[in-house]
Structures are given as structure tokens and as C-alpha cells.
Amino acid sequence: MVDNKGVKPSSSPSGSESNMLLLGKFGAAQGLKGEIRLQSYTADPFAIGSYGPLMSDNNRRFEITHLRAGKNILIARVKNITDRTAAERLTNLPLYIDRALLGQIQEENEYFHADLVGLDVKTSDNLLLGKILALFNFGAGDMLEIRPSEGGISVMLPFTKAAVPDINLNDKYVIVDQPSFESARDNTPGPSDQIG
């Protein structure tokens, strides 16, 4: 859970969007023994392994048996996935959990990370700037990763009340401070600035 923010999954198992929360997504296979990369959308990335079995779009269940830190991502072992071929079949598979298992949020300005992913990002003048891809916390506070509507490199915007003054979960959008967004976009490294 996060202070001052919120997101809805774009799709969920069997069309039950209101009851399911997107907690993460499998990435590419890692090595030959069935490990797989895992992008976690939980406030503590390792918490994704503590909720019990996770569900895919086709209602298949996955039990994470071990997690370790990789470079900017988690590496997971999944029950009954024992080789690279089986892990490759899970690439880009979203993982959900029943919202009822997480309980209720008690604070007015707290949201599940998963409730924020997929929301449109707009200015107070209703100008569409992009869409929220993920939330991260690198140690200095929560950051929204936003895919700009005109394309290009993702923008990392601090998830603060000043930068994100309004969240509308019912209509699936957030209002951001346009100068904060423009400043974040100007400070995002371009492809030639990134270290390989």
C-alpha cells in the first residue's frame, strides 16, 4: 500500500476485474533450471511471494517457492516449473490475487499499487499525458513510471501529493502537476545517456 496514490488492472482473470488485483508479471526465463524473472507491483517487491498462490488470466495458479533479487527485477522459482522451456511459456504472464485476501485499506490517502497501474495520467485541463506502467521505491519514496502518450522513454514522476494532487479510481485516471511532469521528462535520461 502507498500513501497519496492509486491504480486498476487493465484486465483480470475471467473478466472479474473488480475482485482481482494485478500484483506482478512474469518476465523472461532465467537460466536453465526453471527460474523466471518477476516484476512485482507490491510496495515491498518481495511481498508478492507471501500472498499464497497467484492466478493468471486463464485461472492457472502459481505458487512462488523462492525469490531472490536480480538486477532491477526479482528472480523466482515456481512450483512445478523445473526447466527453461516451462519457464519460457510464462513470459509476460500477469499475476493476480483476489482482492478480498488483502483486506481493506484503512487510510483515506492509501491505495494498492495495483489499483494505480493502468490509470490514465492527465493534467487539470484534461490533457492526456500518458498511462501509469508501474510504481517503484528505490529508497527515496514512491515513483510512478509513466508511458508518455506521444511515445518515447518512460517518465519517472515522484508519487507525492504535490506531483499527483488528484486520483480518481472510479474513472481510472490521475491528475498530475504538469510542470512536475515536464521537469521529470526533461530529467529522464535518453538512450545515449543510459549505461548498458
C-alpha atoms as a PDB file:
ATOM      1  CA  MET A   1       0.000   0.000   0.000  1.00  0.00           C
ATOM      2  CA  VAL A   2       1.095   3.550  -0.710  1.00  0.00           C
ATOM      3  CA  ASP A   3       0.269   6.995   0.653  1.00  0.00           C
ATOM      4  CA  ASN A   4      -1.257   9.628  -1.684  1.00  0.00           C
ATOM      5  CA  LYS A   5      -1.781   7.365  -4.719  1.00  0.00           C
ATOM      6  CA  GLY A   6      -3.879   4.531  -6.605  1.00  0.00           C
ATOM      7  CA  VAL A   7      -4.378   2.045  -9.942  1.00  0.00           C
ATOM      8  CA  LYS A   8      -6.708  -0.554 -11.658  1.00  0.00           C
ATOM      9  CA  PRO A   9      -5.506  -3.575 -13.588  1.00  0.00           C
ATOM     10  CA  SER A  10      -6.251  -3.368 -17.291  1.00  0.00           C
ATOM     11  CA  SER A  11      -7.597  -6.906 -17.331  1.00  0.00           C
ATOM     12  CA  SER A  12      -8.040  -9.754 -14.908  1.00  0.00           C
ATOM     13  CA  PRO A  13      -8.931 -13.444 -14.819  1.00  0.00           C
ATOM     14  CA  SER A  14     -12.317 -14.366 -16.252  1.00  0.00           C
ATOM     15  CA  GLY A  15     -13.353 -10.712 -16.536  1.00  0.00           C
ATOM     16  CA  SER A  16     -13.639 -10.401 -12.737  1.00  0.00           C
ATOM     17  CA  GLU A  17     -11.758  -7.094 -12.707  1.00  0.00           C
ATOM     18  CA  SER A  18     -13.436  -5.710  -9.605  1.00  0.00           C
ATOM     19  CA  ASN A  19     -12.385  -8.696  -7.468  1.00  0.00           C
ATOM     20  CA  MET A  20      -8.829  -9.226  -8.693  1.00  0.00           C
ATOM     21  CA  LEU A  21      -5.673  -7.166  -8.181  1.00  0.00           C
ATOM     22  CA  LEU A  22      -2.698  -7.297 -10.503  1.00  0.00           C
ATOM     23  CA  LEU A  23       0.315  -7.998  -8.277  1.00  0.00           C
ATOM     24  CA  GLY A  24       3.012  -8.625 -10.859  1.00  0.00           C
ATOM     25  CA  LYS A  25       4.079 -10.114 -14.152  1.00  0.00           C
ATOM     26  CA  PHE A  26       6.451 -12.881 -15.173  1.00  0.00           C
ATOM     27  CA  GLY A  27       9.301 -11.846 -17.439  1.00  0.00           C
ATOM     28  CA  ALA A  28      11.796 -13.947 -19.371  1.00  0.00           C
ATOM     29  CA  ALA A  29      13.236 -17.278 -18.271  1.00  0.00           C
ATOM     30  CA  GLN A  30      16.406 -17.026 -16.159  1.00  0.00           C
ATOM     31  CA  GLY A  31      18.947 -19.808 -16.633  1.00  0.00           C
ATOM     32  CA  LEU A  32      18.242 -23.458 -17.395  1.00  0.00           C
ATOM     33  CA  LYS A  33      16.584 -24.736 -14.194  1.00  0.00           C
ATOM     34  CA  GLY A  34      13.167 -23.096 -14.453  1.00  0.00           C
ATOM     35  CA  GLU A  35      13.812 -19.770 -12.756  1.00  0.00           C
ATOM     36  CA  ILE A  36      11.940 -16.817 -14.197  1.00  0.00           C
ATOM     37  CA  ARG A  37      12.173 -13.044 -13.903  1.00  0.00           C
ATOM     38  CA  LEU A  38       9.317 -11.443 -11.999  1.00  0.00           C
ATOM     39  CA  GLN A  39       8.182  -7.824 -11.915  1.00  0.00           C
ATOM     40  CA  SER A  40       6.422  -7.142  -8.606  1.00  0.00           C
ATOM     41  CA  TYR A  41       3.892  -4.329  -8.162  1.00  0.00           C
ATOM     42  CA  THR A  42       3.719  -4.691  -4.371  1.00  0.00           C
ATOM     43  CA  ALA A  43       5.093  -1.911  -2.114  1.00  0.00           C
ATOM     44  CA  ASP A  44       7.716  -4.358  -0.838  1.00  0.00           C
ATOM     45  CA  PRO A  45       8.642  -6.278  -4.022  1.00  0.00           C
ATOM     46  CA  PHE A  46       9.365  -9.486  -2.072  1.00  0.00           C
ATOM     47  CA  ALA A  47       5.848  -9.440  -0.564  1.00  0.00           C
ATOM     48  CA  ILE A  48       4.489 -10.899  -3.815  1.00  0.00           C
ATOM     49  CA  GLY A  49       5.768 -14.269  -2.610  1.00  0.00           C
ATOM     50  CA  SER A  50       3.837 -14.112   0.669  1.00  0.00           C
ATOM     51  CA  TYR A  51       0.228 -13.978  -0.571  1.00  0.00           C
ATOM     52  CA  GLY A  52      -0.062 -17.659  -1.473  1.00  0.00           C
ATOM     53  CA  PRO A  53      -0.888 -18.907  -4.960  1.00  0.00           C
ATOM     54  CA  LEU A  54      -1.257 -16.249  -7.650  1.00  0.00           C
ATOM     55  CA  MET A  55      -3.645 -16.561 -10.581  1.00  0.00           C
ATOM     56  CA  SER A  56      -3.151 -15.933 -14.309  1.00  0.00           C
ATOM     57  CA  ASP A  57      -5.656 -14.690 -16.907  1.00  0.00           C
ATOM     58  CA  ASN A  58      -6.691 -18.273 -17.682  1.00  0.00           C
ATOM     59  CA  ASN A  59      -7.193 -19.089 -13.960  1.00  0.00           C
ATOM     60  CA  ARG A  60      -3.994 -21.139 -13.745  1.00  0.00           C
ATOM     61  CA  ARG A  61      -2.459 -20.967 -10.254  1.00  0.00           C
ATOM     62  CA  PHE A  62       1.227 -20.370  -9.499  1.00  0.00           C
ATOM     63  CA  GLU A  63       2.976 -20.883  -6.188  1.00  0.00           C
ATOM     64  CA  ILE A  64       6.215 -18.968  -5.746  1.00  0.00           C
ATOM     65  CA  THR A  65       8.610 -21.148  -3.760  1.00  0.00           C
ATOM     66  CA  HIS A  66      11.668 -18.864  -3.683  1.00  0.00           C
ATOM     67  CA  LEU A  67      12.541 -15.262  -4.564  1.00  0.00           C
ATOM     68  CA  ARG A  68      15.898 -13.562  -4.897  1.00  0.00           C
ATOM     69  CA  ALA A  69      16.986 -10.140  -6.081  1.00  0.00           C
ATOM     70  CA  GLY A  70      18.187  -9.816  -9.659  1.00  0.00           C
ATOM     71  CA  LYS A  71      19.372  -6.726 -11.483  1.00  0.00           C
ATOM     72  CA  ASN A  72      16.357  -4.358 -11.198  1.00  0.00           C
ATOM     73  CA  ILE A  73      13.961  -7.332 -11.003  1.00  0.00           C
ATOM     74  CA  LEU A  74      13.177 -10.392  -8.896  1.00  0.00           C
ATOM     75  CA  ILE A  75      14.148 -13.932  -9.863  1.00  0.00           C
ATOM     76  CA  ALA A  76      11.516 -16.517  -8.898  1.00  0.00           C
ATOM     77  CA  ARG A  77      11.267 -20.257  -8.553  1.00  0.00           C
ATOM     78  CA  VAL A  78       7.741 -21.508  -9.189  1.00  0.00           C
ATOM     79  CA  LYS A  79       6.317 -24.842  -8.035  1.00  0.00           C
ATOM     80  CA  ASN A  80       6.349 -27.426 -10.862  1.00  0.00           C
ATOM     81  CA  ILE A  81       8.385 -25.192 -13.212  1.00  0.00           C
ATOM     82  CA  THR A  82      11.667 -27.080 -13.430  1.00  0.00           C
ATOM     83  CA  ASP A  83      13.264 -26.214 -16.776  1.00  0.00           C
ATOM     84  CA  ARG A  84      13.816 -23.296 -19.110  1.00  0.00           C
ATOM     85  CA  THR A  85      11.157 -24.419 -21.607  1.00  0.00           C
ATOM     86  CA  ALA A  86       8.431 -24.408 -18.934  1.00  0.00           C
ATOM     87  CA  ALA A  87       9.605 -21.007 -17.675  1.00  0.00           C
ATOM     88  CA  GLU A  88       9.585 -19.556 -21.204  1.00  0.00           C
ATOM     89  CA  ARG A  89       5.891 -20.432 -21.533  1.00  0.00           C
ATOM     90  CA  LEU A  90       5.153 -17.999 -18.681  1.00  0.00           C
ATOM     91  CA  THR A  91       6.848 -14.947 -20.238  1.00  0.00           C
ATOM     92  CA  ASN A  92       4.746 -11.758 -19.876  1.00  0.00           C
ATOM     93  CA  LEU A  93       2.020 -13.579 -17.937  1.00  0.00           C
ATOM     94  CA  PRO A  94       0.237 -11.202 -15.489  1.00  0.00           C
ATOM     95  CA  LEU A  95      -0.343 -12.478 -11.942  1.00  0.00           C
ATOM     96  CA  TYR A  96      -3.400 -11.639  -9.834  1.00  0.00           C
ATOM     97  CA  ILE A  97      -4.796 -12.224  -6.370  1.00  0.00           C
ATOM     98  CA  ASP A  98      -8.329 -11.990  -5.043  1.00  0.00           C
ATOM     99  CA  ARG A  99      -8.732  -8.508  -3.532  1.00  0.00           C
ATOM    100  CA  ALA A 100     -10.604  -9.981  -0.544  1.00  0.00           C
ATOM    101  CA  LEU A 101      -7.406 -11.715   0.613  1.00  0.00           C
ATOM    102  CA  LEU A 102      -5.707  -8.338   1.137  1.00  0.00           C
ATOM    103  CA  GLY A 103      -8.266  -6.806   3.476  1.00  0.00           C
ATOM    104  CA  GLN A 104      -9.441  -3.222   3.380  1.00  0.00           C
ATOM    105  CA  ILE A 105      -7.344  -0.072   3.212  1.00  0.00           C
ATOM    106  CA  GLN A 106      -7.883   1.906   6.414  1.00  0.00           C
ATOM    107  CA  GLU A 107      -6.431   5.296   5.458  1.00  0.00           C
ATOM    108  CA  GLU A 108      -8.129   7.807   3.131  1.00  0.00           C
ATOM    109  CA  ASN A 109      -4.982   8.551   1.078  1.00  0.00           C
ATOM    110  CA  GLU A 110      -3.700   4.979   0.714  1.00  0.00           C
ATOM    111  CA  TYR A 111      -4.062   2.780  -2.357  1.00  0.00           C
ATOM    112  CA  PHE A 112      -2.949  -0.618  -3.518  1.00  0.00           C
ATOM    113  CA  HIS A 113      -0.135  -0.232  -6.054  1.00  0.00           C
ATOM    114  CA  ALA A 114      -2.144  -2.497  -8.352  1.00  0.00           C
ATOM    115  CA  ASP A 115      -5.033  -0.023  -8.270  1.00  0.00           C
ATOM    116  CA  LEU A 116      -2.784   2.598  -9.897  1.00  0.00           C
ATOM    117  CA  VAL A 117      -1.209   0.570 -12.716  1.00  0.00           C
ATOM    118  CA  GLY A 118      -3.000   1.275 -15.979  1.00  0.00           C
ATOM    119  CA  LEU A 119      -4.584   4.587 -14.976  1.00  0.00           C
ATOM    120  CA  ASP A 120      -4.511   7.466 -17.449  1.00  0.00           C
ATOM    121  CA  VAL A 121      -2.313  10.416 -16.499  1.00  0.00           C
ATOM    122  CA  LYS A 122      -3.904  13.815 -17.199  1.00  0.00           C
ATOM    123  CA  THR A 123      -3.389  17.481 -16.456  1.00  0.00           C
ATOM    124  CA  SER A 124      -6.017  19.566 -14.656  1.00  0.00           C
ATOM    125  CA  ASP A 125      -7.012  20.808 -18.149  1.00  0.00           C
ATOM    126  CA  ASN A 126      -7.820  17.198 -19.168  1.00  0.00           C
ATOM    127  CA  LEU A 127      -4.756  16.867 -21.445  1.00  0.00           C
ATOM    128  CA  LEU A 128      -3.765  13.175 -21.662  1.00  0.00           C
ATOM    129  CA  LEU A 129      -0.051  12.831 -20.845  1.00  0.00           C
ATOM    130  CA  GLY A 130       0.248   9.050 -20.664  1.00  0.00           C
ATOM    131  CA  LYS A 131      -0.514   5.922 -18.649  1.00  0.00           C
ATOM    132  CA  ILE A 132       0.916   4.531 -15.404  1.00  0.00           C
ATOM    133  CA  LEU A 133       3.031   1.442 -16.062  1.00  0.00           C
ATOM    134  CA  ALA A 134       4.316   0.673 -12.551  1.00  0.00           C
ATOM    135  CA  LEU A 135       5.272   2.021  -9.131  1.00  0.00           C
ATOM    136  CA  PHE A 136       8.746   1.736  -7.671  1.00  0.00           C
ATOM    137  CA  ASN A 137      10.504   2.691  -4.485  1.00  0.00           C
ATOM    138  CA  PHE A 138      14.271   2.929  -4.831  1.00  0.00           C
ATOM    139  CA  GLY A 139      14.661   4.139  -1.239  1.00  0.00           C
ATOM    140  CA  ALA A 140      13.734   7.822  -1.568  1.00  0.00           C
ATOM    141  CA  GLY A 141       9.967   7.474  -1.891  1.00  0.00           C
ATOM    142  CA  ASP A 142       7.466   6.069  -4.365  1.00  0.00           C
ATOM    143  CA  MET A 143       7.878   6.825  -8.071  1.00  0.00           C
ATOM    144  CA  LEU A 144       5.334   6.400 -10.860  1.00  0.00           C
ATOM    145  CA  GLU A 145       6.628   5.030 -14.153  1.00  0.00           C
ATOM    146  CA  ILE A 146       4.550   6.719 -16.865  1.00  0.00           C
ATOM    147  CA  ARG A 147       4.467   5.783 -20.558  1.00  0.00           C
ATOM    148  CA  PRO A 148       4.042   9.116 -22.406  1.00  0.00           C
ATOM    149  CA  SER A 149       1.085   9.231 -24.797  1.00  0.00           C
ATOM    150  CA  GLU A 150       3.342  10.545 -27.591  1.00  0.00           C
ATOM    151  CA  GLY A 151       5.703   7.575 -27.108  1.00  0.00           C
ATOM    152  CA  GLY A 152       9.344   7.598 -26.152  1.00  0.00           C
ATOM    153  CA  ILE A 153      11.115   6.773 -22.928  1.00  0.00           C
ATOM    154  CA  SER A 154       9.103   6.262 -19.728  1.00  0.00           C
ATOM    155  CA  VAL A 155       8.951   9.174 -17.292  1.00  0.00           C
ATOM    156  CA  MET A 156       9.616   8.624 -13.573  1.00  0.00           C
ATOM    157  CA  LEU A 157       7.447  11.008 -11.509  1.00  0.00           C
ATOM    158  CA  PRO A 158       7.547  11.240  -7.702  1.00  0.00           C
ATOM    159  CA  PHE A 159       4.311   9.939  -6.230  1.00  0.00           C
ATOM    160  CA  THR A 160       3.642  12.842  -3.895  1.00  0.00           C
ATOM    161  CA  LYS A 161       0.572  14.969  -3.225  1.00  0.00           C
ATOM    162  CA  ALA A 162       2.291  17.933  -4.945  1.00  0.00           C
ATOM    163  CA  ALA A 163       3.053  15.996  -8.156  1.00  0.00           C
ATOM    164  CA  VAL A 164      -0.149  13.894  -8.128  1.00  0.00           C
ATOM    165  CA  PRO A 165      -2.831  16.049  -6.482  1.00  0.00           C
ATOM    166  CA  ASP A 166      -5.885  14.016  -7.533  1.00  0.00           C
ATOM    167  CA  ILE A 167      -6.643  10.322  -8.029  1.00  0.00           C
ATOM    168  CA  ASN A 168      -9.939   9.126  -9.498  1.00  0.00           C
ATOM    169  CA  LEU A 169     -10.107   5.331  -9.297  1.00  0.00           C
ATOM    170  CA  ASN A 170     -13.733   5.204 -10.493  1.00  0.00           C
ATOM    171  CA  ASP A 171     -12.943   6.964 -13.782  1.00  0.00           C
ATOM    172  CA  LYS A 172      -9.421   5.437 -13.979  1.00  0.00           C
ATOM    173  CA  TYR A 173      -7.195   8.499 -14.105  1.00  0.00           C
ATOM    174  CA  VAL A 174      -4.838  10.615 -12.037  1.00  0.00           C
ATOM    175  CA  ILE A 175      -4.270  14.345 -12.327  1.00  0.00           C
ATOM    176  CA  VAL A 176      -0.619  15.378 -12.259  1.00  0.00           C
ATOM    177  CA  ASP A 177       1.037  18.734 -11.887  1.00  0.00           C
ATOM    178  CA  GLN A 178       2.104  19.498 -15.480  1.00  0.00           C
ATOM    179  CA  PRO A 179       5.318  21.390 -14.519  1.00  0.00           C
ATOM    180  CA  SER A 180       6.341  18.422 -12.326  1.00  0.00           C
ATOM    181  CA  PHE A 181       5.688  16.024 -15.220  1.00  0.00           C
ATOM    182  CA  GLU A 182       7.623  18.198 -17.705  1.00  0.00           C
ATOM    183  CA  SER A 183      10.531  18.507 -15.272  1.00  0.00           C
ATOM    184  CA  ALA A 184      10.599  14.734 -14.729  1.00  0.00           C
ATOM    185  CA  ARG A 185      10.501  14.165 -18.502  1.00  0.00           C
ATOM    186  CA  ASP A 186      13.347  16.635 -19.061  1.00  0.00           C
ATOM    187  CA  ASN A 187      15.424  14.825 -16.421  1.00  0.00           C
ATOM    188  CA  THR A 188      14.803  11.333 -17.842  1.00  0.00           C
ATOM    189  CA  PRO A 189      17.963  10.015 -19.486  1.00  0.00           C
ATOM    190  CA  GLY A 190      17.750   9.431 -23.219  1.00  0.00           C
ATOM    191  CA  PRO A 191      19.014   6.214 -24.871  1.00  0.00           C
ATOM    192  CA  SER A 192      22.512   7.666 -25.327  1.00  0.00           C
ATOM    193  CA  ASP A 193      22.666   8.620 -21.616  1.00  0.00           C
ATOM    194  CA  GLN A 194      21.844   5.157 -20.286  1.00  0.00           C
ATOM    195  CA  ILE A 195      24.541   2.780 -19.162  1.00  0.00           C
ATOM    196  CA  GLY A 196      24.472  -0.566 -20.966  1.00  0.00           C
END
